[in-house]
Amino acid sequence: MELKTEIWERVRAFALSLASEDQPERYRLNYNALKDYCEAQSAAGDDHPFLWESLADFTLDDDAAIALYLRALSLAAGDEGREYRVSIRFALAHRYKHKGETALARQYAIEADDEARETDDRELRRRISRFLLSRD
């Protein structure tokens, strides 16, 4: 599950553009360009969880984002997919919490926490722990 450098760089450029965009119309255009890019890479045989997780991160609708995160999760297999699985599950926990589906939010956060113990990302592990301990 190797991610090509040029794909990472292109998605990163889209992400930087989207993160700094404050005009709704331009955001939509850039978002659609990223979506088209992800679909083209998938069709070309370069499907990767990074593509769909990145697109989901910039998806404003929780239900649509959840579907994209689940797609990314399905691609994050094996040991090399662990860090993707952790961050995707944590993102799912946030989206479900935002929707008021606290049981699913907690389930995904616990799964992220369990698997995060096998990573070196201490900051992510702390954020997951804080999420699990929060009462709001």
C-alpha atoms as a PDB file:
ATOM      1  CA  MET A   1       0.000   0.000   0.000  1.00  0.00           C
ATOM      2  CA  GLU A   2       2.591   2.482  -1.085  1.00  0.00           C
ATOM      3  CA  LEU A   3       1.526   6.054  -1.712  1.00  0.00           C
ATOM      4  CA  LYS A   4       3.251   7.657  -4.680  1.00  0.00           C
ATOM      5  CA  THR A   5       5.017  10.901  -3.831  1.00  0.00           C
ATOM      6  CA  GLU A   6       3.332  12.800  -6.662  1.00  0.00           C
ATOM      7  CA  ILE A   7      -0.110  11.767  -5.365  1.00  0.00           C
ATOM      8  CA  TRP A   8       0.752  12.876  -1.837  1.00  0.00           C
ATOM      9  CA  GLU A   9       2.064  16.211  -3.114  1.00  0.00           C
ATOM     10  CA  ARG A  10      -0.981  16.835  -5.296  1.00  0.00           C
ATOM     11  CA  VAL A  11      -3.454  16.020  -2.506  1.00  0.00           C
ATOM     12  CA  ARG A  12      -1.425  18.172  -0.104  1.00  0.00           C
ATOM     13  CA  ALA A  13      -1.670  21.093  -2.550  1.00  0.00           C
ATOM     14  CA  PHE A  14      -5.442  20.637  -2.747  1.00  0.00           C
ATOM     15  CA  ALA A  15      -5.632  20.454   1.049  1.00  0.00           C
ATOM     16  CA  LEU A  16      -3.630  23.648   1.520  1.00  0.00           C
ATOM     17  CA  SER A  17      -5.856  25.406  -0.979  1.00  0.00           C
ATOM     18  CA  LEU A  18      -9.038  24.197   0.698  1.00  0.00           C
ATOM     19  CA  ALA A  19      -7.802  24.998   4.205  1.00  0.00           C
ATOM     20  CA  SER A  20      -7.157  28.614   3.271  1.00  0.00           C
ATOM     21  CA  GLU A  21     -10.243  29.177   1.108  1.00  0.00           C
ATOM     22  CA  ASP A  22     -12.923  31.477   2.525  1.00  0.00           C
ATOM     23  CA  GLN A  23     -15.087  31.885  -0.578  1.00  0.00           C
ATOM     24  CA  PRO A  24     -17.802  29.172  -0.691  1.00  0.00           C
ATOM     25  CA  GLU A  25     -17.862  28.986  -4.488  1.00  0.00           C
ATOM     26  CA  ARG A  26     -14.085  28.608  -4.774  1.00  0.00           C
ATOM     27  CA  TYR A  27     -14.109  26.074  -1.935  1.00  0.00           C
ATOM     28  CA  ARG A  28     -16.693  24.024  -3.841  1.00  0.00           C
ATOM     29  CA  LEU A  29     -14.643  24.211  -7.050  1.00  0.00           C
ATOM     30  CA  ASN A  30     -11.444  23.145  -5.279  1.00  0.00           C
ATOM     31  CA  TYR A  31     -13.281  20.402  -3.389  1.00  0.00           C
ATOM     32  CA  ASN A  32     -14.737  19.037  -6.628  1.00  0.00           C
ATOM     33  CA  ALA A  33     -11.283  19.131  -8.230  1.00  0.00           C
ATOM     34  CA  LEU A  34      -9.901  17.086  -5.322  1.00  0.00           C
ATOM     35  CA  LYS A  35     -12.810  14.653  -5.591  1.00  0.00           C
ATOM     36  CA  ASP A  36     -12.217  14.247  -9.343  1.00  0.00           C
ATOM     37  CA  TYR A  37      -8.512  13.680  -8.686  1.00  0.00           C
ATOM     38  CA  CYS A  38      -9.247  10.999  -6.058  1.00  0.00           C
ATOM     39  CA  GLU A  39     -11.655   9.229  -8.396  1.00  0.00           C
ATOM     40  CA  ALA A  40      -9.142   9.380 -11.272  1.00  0.00           C
ATOM     41  CA  GLN A  41      -6.374   7.913  -9.105  1.00  0.00           C
ATOM     42  CA  SER A  42      -8.688   5.151  -7.956  1.00  0.00           C
ATOM     43  CA  ALA A  43      -9.689   4.344 -11.531  1.00  0.00           C
ATOM     44  CA  ALA A  44      -6.011   4.299 -12.536  1.00  0.00           C
ATOM     45  CA  GLY A  45      -5.284   1.636  -9.913  1.00  0.00           C
ATOM     46  CA  ASP A  46      -3.695   3.971  -7.373  1.00  0.00           C
ATOM     47  CA  ASP A  47      -6.456   3.732  -4.779  1.00  0.00           C
ATOM     48  CA  HIS A  48      -5.165   4.568  -1.311  1.00  0.00           C
ATOM     49  CA  PRO A  49      -6.766   5.438   2.055  1.00  0.00           C
ATOM     50  CA  PHE A  50      -4.924   8.778   2.026  1.00  0.00           C
ATOM     51  CA  LEU A  51      -7.010   9.938  -0.936  1.00  0.00           C
ATOM     52  CA  TRP A  52     -10.385   9.265   0.643  1.00  0.00           C
ATOM     53  CA  GLU A  53      -9.433  10.321   4.158  1.00  0.00           C
ATOM     54  CA  SER A  54      -8.175  13.635   2.784  1.00  0.00           C
ATOM     55  CA  LEU A  55     -11.333  14.171   0.759  1.00  0.00           C
ATOM     56  CA  ALA A  56     -13.479  13.281   3.789  1.00  0.00           C
ATOM     57  CA  ASP A  57     -11.569  15.770   5.938  1.00  0.00           C
ATOM     58  CA  PHE A  58     -12.774  18.565   3.650  1.00  0.00           C
ATOM     59  CA  THR A  59     -16.314  17.253   3.213  1.00  0.00           C
ATOM     60  CA  LEU A  60     -18.765  19.550   4.952  1.00  0.00           C
ATOM     61  CA  ASP A  61     -21.654  17.080   5.186  1.00  0.00           C
ATOM     62  CA  ASP A  62     -21.146  14.545   7.987  1.00  0.00           C
ATOM     63  CA  ASP A  63     -22.986  11.707   6.240  1.00  0.00           C
ATOM     64  CA  ALA A  64     -20.992  12.149   3.032  1.00  0.00           C
ATOM     65  CA  ALA A  65     -17.760  12.393   5.019  1.00  0.00           C
ATOM     66  CA  ILE A  66     -18.580   9.215   6.940  1.00  0.00           C
ATOM     67  CA  ALA A  67     -19.074   7.316   3.678  1.00  0.00           C
ATOM     68  CA  LEU A  68     -15.674   8.543   2.462  1.00  0.00           C
ATOM     69  CA  TYR A  69     -13.961   7.644   5.732  1.00  0.00           C
ATOM     70  CA  LEU A  70     -15.447   4.165   5.542  1.00  0.00           C
ATOM     71  CA  ARG A  71     -14.108   3.830   2.013  1.00  0.00           C
ATOM     72  CA  ALA A  72     -10.675   4.882   3.245  1.00  0.00           C
ATOM     73  CA  LEU A  73     -10.908   2.464   6.165  1.00  0.00           C
ATOM     74  CA  SER A  74     -11.639  -0.424   3.815  1.00  0.00           C
ATOM     75  CA  LEU A  75      -8.361   0.298   1.997  1.00  0.00           C
ATOM     76  CA  ALA A  76      -6.210   0.609   5.129  1.00  0.00           C
ATOM     77  CA  ALA A  77      -5.163  -3.015   5.489  1.00  0.00           C
ATOM     78  CA  GLY A  78      -2.259  -4.677   7.207  1.00  0.00           C
ATOM     79  CA  ASP A  79       0.429  -3.251   9.449  1.00  0.00           C
ATOM     80  CA  GLU A  80       1.213  -0.480   6.973  1.00  0.00           C
ATOM     81  CA  GLY A  81      -2.392   0.706   7.204  1.00  0.00           C
ATOM     82  CA  ARG A  82      -2.448   0.962  11.011  1.00  0.00           C
ATOM     83  CA  GLU A  83      -1.779   4.685  11.274  1.00  0.00           C
ATOM     84  CA  TYR A  84      -4.404   5.370   8.626  1.00  0.00           C
ATOM     85  CA  ARG A  85      -6.928   3.192  10.490  1.00  0.00           C
ATOM     86  CA  VAL A  86      -6.266   5.062  13.732  1.00  0.00           C
ATOM     87  CA  SER A  87      -6.739   8.518  12.230  1.00  0.00           C
ATOM     88  CA  ILE A  88      -9.734   7.442  10.135  1.00  0.00           C
ATOM     89  CA  ARG A  89     -11.487   5.872  13.126  1.00  0.00           C
ATOM     90  CA  PHE A  90     -10.788   8.963  15.192  1.00  0.00           C
ATOM     91  CA  ALA A  91     -12.228  11.164  12.437  1.00  0.00           C
ATOM     92  CA  LEU A  92     -15.294   8.895  12.314  1.00  0.00           C
ATOM     93  CA  ALA A  93     -15.661   9.308  16.086  1.00  0.00           C
ATOM     94  CA  HIS A  94     -15.716  13.092  15.656  1.00  0.00           C
ATOM     95  CA  ARG A  95     -18.245  12.984  12.833  1.00  0.00           C
ATOM     96  CA  TYR A  96     -20.575  10.641  14.706  1.00  0.00           C
ATOM     97  CA  LYS A  97     -20.293  12.787  17.818  1.00  0.00           C
ATOM     98  CA  HIS A  98     -21.176  15.855  15.744  1.00  0.00           C
ATOM     99  CA  LYS A  99     -24.261  14.004  14.495  1.00  0.00           C
ATOM    100  CA  GLY A 100     -25.257  13.155  18.071  1.00  0.00           C
ATOM    101  CA  GLU A 101     -24.602   9.439  17.606  1.00  0.00           C
ATOM    102  CA  THR A 102     -22.552   9.097  20.772  1.00  0.00           C
ATOM    103  CA  ALA A 103     -22.517   5.283  20.916  1.00  0.00           C
ATOM    104  CA  LEU A 104     -20.948   5.039  17.453  1.00  0.00           C
ATOM    105  CA  ALA A 105     -18.601   7.912  18.272  1.00  0.00           C
ATOM    106  CA  ARG A 106     -17.394   6.108  21.366  1.00  0.00           C
ATOM    107  CA  GLN A 107     -17.073   2.792  19.515  1.00  0.00           C
ATOM    108  CA  TYR A 108     -14.821   4.302  16.838  1.00  0.00           C
ATOM    109  CA  ALA A 109     -12.795   6.226  19.423  1.00  0.00           C
ATOM    110  CA  ILE A 110     -12.206   3.046  21.433  1.00  0.00           C
ATOM    111  CA  GLU A 111     -11.146   1.193  18.271  1.00  0.00           C
ATOM    112  CA  ALA A 112      -8.799   4.065  17.399  1.00  0.00           C
ATOM    113  CA  ASP A 113      -7.402   4.066  20.927  1.00  0.00           C
ATOM    114  CA  ASP A 114      -6.837   0.308  20.939  1.00  0.00           C
ATOM    115  CA  GLU A 115      -4.919   0.389  17.690  1.00  0.00           C
ATOM    116  CA  ALA A 116      -3.105   3.653  18.490  1.00  0.00           C
ATOM    117  CA  ARG A 117      -1.229   1.809  21.224  1.00  0.00           C
ATOM    118  CA  GLU A 118       0.676   0.071  18.435  1.00  0.00           C
ATOM    119  CA  THR A 119       1.898   3.387  16.982  1.00  0.00           C
ATOM    120  CA  ASP A 120       4.490   5.970  17.986  1.00  0.00           C
ATOM    121  CA  ASP A 121       2.125   8.933  17.537  1.00  0.00           C
ATOM    122  CA  ARG A 122       1.853  10.074  21.154  1.00  0.00           C
ATOM    123  CA  GLU A 123       0.042  13.303  20.311  1.00  0.00           C
ATOM    124  CA  LEU A 124      -2.713  11.439  18.470  1.00  0.00           C
ATOM    125  CA  ARG A 125      -2.972   8.991  21.359  1.00  0.00           C
ATOM    126  CA  ARG A 126      -3.397  11.921  23.787  1.00  0.00           C
ATOM    127  CA  ARG A 127      -6.094  13.484  21.601  1.00  0.00           C
ATOM    128  CA  ILE A 128      -7.997  10.195  21.438  1.00  0.00           C
ATOM    129  CA  SER A 129      -7.743   9.800  25.218  1.00  0.00           C
ATOM    130  CA  ARG A 130      -9.051  13.336  25.760  1.00  0.00           C
ATOM    131  CA  PHE A 131     -11.927  12.600  23.389  1.00  0.00           C
ATOM    132  CA  LEU A 132     -12.828   9.449  25.313  1.00  0.00           C
ATOM    133  CA  LEU A 133     -12.662  11.286  28.647  1.00  0.00           C
ATOM    134  CA  SER A 134     -14.725  14.275  27.509  1.00  0.00           C
ATOM    135  CA  ARG A 135     -18.330  14.551  28.609  1.00  0.00           C
ATOM    136  CA  ASP A 136     -19.575  17.039  26.018  1.00  0.00           C
END
